[in-house]
């Protein structure tokens, strides 16, 4: 199902997700997987590249595995990193912090994956994020 997050950002989720809004965040969940979205803006290409560099440096300095992808036309850039989060003793979950960057806007999606089999859904959902420029 397609969700219009803002005027410019949309994302596809499989059926069965519930949703709510908390302030500037969109929250989507289904058993085993929660996604939190936030959109923010910056001035241009130099700020976009600085953001990617800062995210990369932070992730690498903390020892996280990174994922990077640029669309064929380089309009969108994607950067993400994985981390393990301890919820309680002996119980951890995987978190994918994913950023989809357009020329002047970024969609941040954080996926909280309780079951390993749901990671592919998180990755596919992140890759579905699309940006449509304003007229």
C-alpha atoms as a PDB file:
ATOM      1  CA  UNK A   1       0.000   0.000   0.000  1.00  0.00           C
ATOM      2  CA  UNK A   2       1.256   3.482  -0.892  1.00  0.00           C
ATOM      3  CA  UNK A   3       1.471   6.093   1.859  1.00  0.00           C
ATOM      4  CA  UNK A   4       1.910   9.782   1.109  1.00  0.00           C
ATOM      5  CA  UNK A   5       4.135  10.947   3.965  1.00  0.00           C
ATOM      6  CA  UNK A   6       4.405  14.577   2.842  1.00  0.00           C
ATOM      7  CA  UNK A   7       3.607  16.508  -0.301  1.00  0.00           C
ATOM      8  CA  UNK A   8       6.847  15.187  -1.807  1.00  0.00           C
ATOM      9  CA  UNK A   9       7.620  11.866  -0.087  1.00  0.00           C
ATOM     10  CA  UNK A  10       5.805   8.552  -0.443  1.00  0.00           C
ATOM     11  CA  UNK A  11       6.600   4.992   0.590  1.00  0.00           C
ATOM     12  CA  UNK A  12       5.165   1.524  -0.068  1.00  0.00           C
ATOM     13  CA  UNK A  13       4.333  -0.843   2.762  1.00  0.00           C
ATOM     14  CA  UNK A  14       2.859  -4.335   2.650  1.00  0.00           C
ATOM     15  CA  UNK A  15      -0.759  -4.628   3.766  1.00  0.00           C
ATOM     16  CA  UNK A  16      -1.385  -5.038   7.476  1.00  0.00           C
ATOM     17  CA  UNK A  17       0.534  -2.063   8.872  1.00  0.00           C
ATOM     18  CA  UNK A  18      -1.170   0.257  11.317  1.00  0.00           C
ATOM     19  CA  UNK A  19      -0.171   3.902  11.510  1.00  0.00           C
ATOM     20  CA  UNK A  20      -0.287   6.995  13.630  1.00  0.00           C
ATOM     21  CA  UNK A  21       1.367  10.403  13.759  1.00  0.00           C
ATOM     22  CA  UNK A  22       3.324  11.730  16.718  1.00  0.00           C
ATOM     23  CA  UNK A  23       4.430  15.297  16.172  1.00  0.00           C
ATOM     24  CA  UNK A  24       6.651  15.363  13.080  1.00  0.00           C
ATOM     25  CA  UNK A  25       7.003  11.562  13.026  1.00  0.00           C
ATOM     26  CA  UNK A  26       4.962   8.994  11.163  1.00  0.00           C
ATOM     27  CA  UNK A  27       4.862   5.632  12.936  1.00  0.00           C
ATOM     28  CA  UNK A  28       3.935   2.416  11.144  1.00  0.00           C
ATOM     29  CA  UNK A  29       3.862  -1.008  12.775  1.00  0.00           C
ATOM     30  CA  UNK A  30       2.908  -4.620  12.391  1.00  0.00           C
ATOM     31  CA  UNK A  31       3.911  -7.557  14.604  1.00  0.00           C
ATOM     32  CA  UNK A  32       7.699  -7.830  14.523  1.00  0.00           C
ATOM     33  CA  UNK A  33       8.421  -4.586  12.642  1.00  0.00           C
ATOM     34  CA  UNK A  34       8.068  -0.888  13.488  1.00  0.00           C
ATOM     35  CA  UNK A  35       9.040   2.005  11.214  1.00  0.00           C
ATOM     36  CA  UNK A  36       9.405   5.622  12.304  1.00  0.00           C
ATOM     37  CA  UNK A  37       9.656   8.322   9.626  1.00  0.00           C
ATOM     38  CA  UNK A  38      10.833  11.917   9.768  1.00  0.00           C
ATOM     39  CA  UNK A  39      11.337  14.386   6.915  1.00  0.00           C
ATOM     40  CA  UNK A  40      13.730  17.293   7.135  1.00  0.00           C
ATOM     41  CA  UNK A  41      15.097  19.854   4.694  1.00  0.00           C
ATOM     42  CA  UNK A  42      18.453  21.431   3.865  1.00  0.00           C
ATOM     43  CA  UNK A  43      19.623  24.096   1.439  1.00  0.00           C
ATOM     44  CA  UNK A  44      21.343  22.216  -1.365  1.00  0.00           C
ATOM     45  CA  UNK A  45      23.897  19.728  -2.643  1.00  0.00           C
ATOM     46  CA  UNK A  46      26.744  20.803  -0.353  1.00  0.00           C
ATOM     47  CA  UNK A  47      24.537  20.288   2.716  1.00  0.00           C
ATOM     48  CA  UNK A  48      23.309  16.944   1.363  1.00  0.00           C
ATOM     49  CA  UNK A  49      26.875  15.738   0.878  1.00  0.00           C
ATOM     50  CA  UNK A  50      27.870  17.018   4.335  1.00  0.00           C
ATOM     51  CA  UNK A  51      24.945  15.116   5.857  1.00  0.00           C
ATOM     52  CA  UNK A  52      25.975  11.883   4.131  1.00  0.00           C
ATOM     53  CA  UNK A  53      29.592  12.324   5.253  1.00  0.00           C
ATOM     54  CA  UNK A  54      28.536  13.022   8.856  1.00  0.00           C
ATOM     55  CA  UNK A  55      26.233   9.985   8.893  1.00  0.00           C
ATOM     56  CA  UNK A  56      28.942   7.778   7.379  1.00  0.00           C
ATOM     57  CA  UNK A  57      31.584   8.994   9.844  1.00  0.00           C
ATOM     58  CA  UNK A  58      29.273   8.439  12.824  1.00  0.00           C
ATOM     59  CA  UNK A  59      28.257   4.957  11.714  1.00  0.00           C
ATOM     60  CA  UNK A  60      31.809   3.837  10.952  1.00  0.00           C
ATOM     61  CA  UNK A  61      33.226   5.306  14.168  1.00  0.00           C
ATOM     62  CA  UNK A  62      30.631   3.312  16.121  1.00  0.00           C
ATOM     63  CA  UNK A  63      31.431   0.137  14.164  1.00  0.00           C
ATOM     64  CA  UNK A  64      28.079  -0.182  12.375  1.00  0.00           C
ATOM     65  CA  UNK A  65      27.664  -1.902   9.014  1.00  0.00           C
ATOM     66  CA  UNK A  66      26.660   0.622   6.351  1.00  0.00           C
ATOM     67  CA  UNK A  67      24.549   0.370   3.204  1.00  0.00           C
ATOM     68  CA  UNK A  68      24.868   2.930   0.414  1.00  0.00           C
ATOM     69  CA  UNK A  69      23.039   3.242  -2.871  1.00  0.00           C
ATOM     70  CA  UNK A  70      22.648   5.995  -5.458  1.00  0.00           C
ATOM     71  CA  UNK A  71      19.821   5.884  -7.970  1.00  0.00           C
ATOM     72  CA  UNK A  72      20.837   5.640 -11.625  1.00  0.00           C
ATOM     73  CA  UNK A  73      20.136   9.331 -12.209  1.00  0.00           C
ATOM     74  CA  UNK A  74      21.718  10.225  -8.846  1.00  0.00           C
ATOM     75  CA  UNK A  75      18.613  12.252  -7.964  1.00  0.00           C
ATOM     76  CA  UNK A  76      18.173  10.160  -4.820  1.00  0.00           C
ATOM     77  CA  UNK A  77      20.955   8.900  -2.602  1.00  0.00           C
ATOM     78  CA  UNK A  78      20.435   6.278   0.078  1.00  0.00           C
ATOM     79  CA  UNK A  79      22.571   5.738   3.134  1.00  0.00           C
ATOM     80  CA  UNK A  80      21.807   3.467   6.039  1.00  0.00           C
ATOM     81  CA  UNK A  81      23.450   1.668   8.891  1.00  0.00           C
ATOM     82  CA  UNK A  82      22.614  -1.323  11.041  1.00  0.00           C
ATOM     83  CA  UNK A  83      22.915  -1.582  14.799  1.00  0.00           C
ATOM     84  CA  UNK A  84      21.865  -4.033  17.459  1.00  0.00           C
ATOM     85  CA  UNK A  85      19.728  -2.595  20.229  1.00  0.00           C
ATOM     86  CA  UNK A  86      19.314  -4.305  23.566  1.00  0.00           C
ATOM     87  CA  UNK A  87      15.686  -4.019  24.621  1.00  0.00           C
ATOM     88  CA  UNK A  88      16.150  -5.912  27.863  1.00  0.00           C
ATOM     89  CA  UNK A  89      18.765  -8.365  29.110  1.00  0.00           C
ATOM     90  CA  UNK A  90      19.086 -11.294  26.701  1.00  0.00           C
ATOM     91  CA  UNK A  91      16.727  -9.661  24.160  1.00  0.00           C
ATOM     92  CA  UNK A  92      18.120  -7.668  21.232  1.00  0.00           C
ATOM     93  CA  UNK A  93      16.678  -6.420  17.992  1.00  0.00           C
ATOM     94  CA  UNK A  94      18.155  -5.148  14.765  1.00  0.00           C
ATOM     95  CA  UNK A  95      17.675  -1.488  13.869  1.00  0.00           C
ATOM     96  CA  UNK A  96      18.130  -0.127  10.355  1.00  0.00           C
ATOM     97  CA  UNK A  97      18.551   3.642  10.318  1.00  0.00           C
ATOM     98  CA  UNK A  98      17.938   4.578   6.688  1.00  0.00           C
ATOM     99  CA  UNK A  99      18.199   7.937   4.958  1.00  0.00           C
ATOM    100  CA  UNK A 100      16.864   8.712   1.480  1.00  0.00           C
ATOM    101  CA  UNK A 101      18.245  12.035   0.312  1.00  0.00           C
ATOM    102  CA  UNK A 102      16.777  14.206  -2.465  1.00  0.00           C
ATOM    103  CA  UNK A 103      18.377  17.496  -3.563  1.00  0.00           C
ATOM    104  CA  UNK A 104      16.869  19.535  -0.693  1.00  0.00           C
ATOM    105  CA  UNK A 105      15.030  17.041   1.503  1.00  0.00           C
ATOM    106  CA  UNK A 106      15.725  13.862   3.429  1.00  0.00           C
ATOM    107  CA  UNK A 107      13.397  11.076   4.518  1.00  0.00           C
ATOM    108  CA  UNK A 108      14.774   9.348   7.604  1.00  0.00           C
ATOM    109  CA  UNK A 109      13.285   5.937   8.294  1.00  0.00           C
ATOM    110  CA  UNK A 110      14.237   3.852  11.298  1.00  0.00           C
ATOM    111  CA  UNK A 111      13.154   0.222  11.203  1.00  0.00           C
ATOM    112  CA  UNK A 112      13.003  -1.770  14.454  1.00  0.00           C
ATOM    113  CA  UNK A 113      13.163  -5.425  13.446  1.00  0.00           C
ATOM    114  CA  UNK A 114      12.183  -7.914  16.155  1.00  0.00           C
ATOM    115  CA  UNK A 115      12.342 -10.992  13.912  1.00  0.00           C
ATOM    116  CA  UNK A 116      15.202 -11.639  11.461  1.00  0.00           C
ATOM    117  CA  UNK A 117      12.748 -12.754   8.765  1.00  0.00           C
ATOM    118  CA  UNK A 118      11.311  -9.217   8.679  1.00  0.00           C
ATOM    119  CA  UNK A 119      14.591  -7.568   7.666  1.00  0.00           C
ATOM    120  CA  UNK A 120      13.878  -8.048   3.946  1.00  0.00           C
ATOM    121  CA  UNK A 121      10.558  -6.227   4.369  1.00  0.00           C
ATOM    122  CA  UNK A 122      12.377  -3.321   6.035  1.00  0.00           C
ATOM    123  CA  UNK A 123      14.962  -3.161   3.253  1.00  0.00           C
ATOM    124  CA  UNK A 124      12.340  -3.373   0.497  1.00  0.00           C
ATOM    125  CA  UNK A 125      10.249  -0.667   2.200  1.00  0.00           C
ATOM    126  CA  UNK A 126      13.261   1.641   2.455  1.00  0.00           C
ATOM    127  CA  UNK A 127      14.069   1.102  -1.227  1.00  0.00           C
ATOM    128  CA  UNK A 128      10.453   1.983  -2.129  1.00  0.00           C
ATOM    129  CA  UNK A 129      10.757   5.524  -0.749  1.00  0.00           C
ATOM    130  CA  UNK A 130      10.182   7.990  -3.571  1.00  0.00           C
ATOM    131  CA  UNK A 131      10.412  11.746  -3.895  1.00  0.00           C
ATOM    132  CA  UNK A 132       8.333  13.856  -6.258  1.00  0.00           C
ATOM    133  CA  UNK A 133       9.557  17.446  -6.639  1.00  0.00           C
ATOM    134  CA  UNK A 134       7.039  20.267  -6.218  1.00  0.00           C
ATOM    135  CA  UNK A 135       5.942  22.016  -9.389  1.00  0.00           C
END
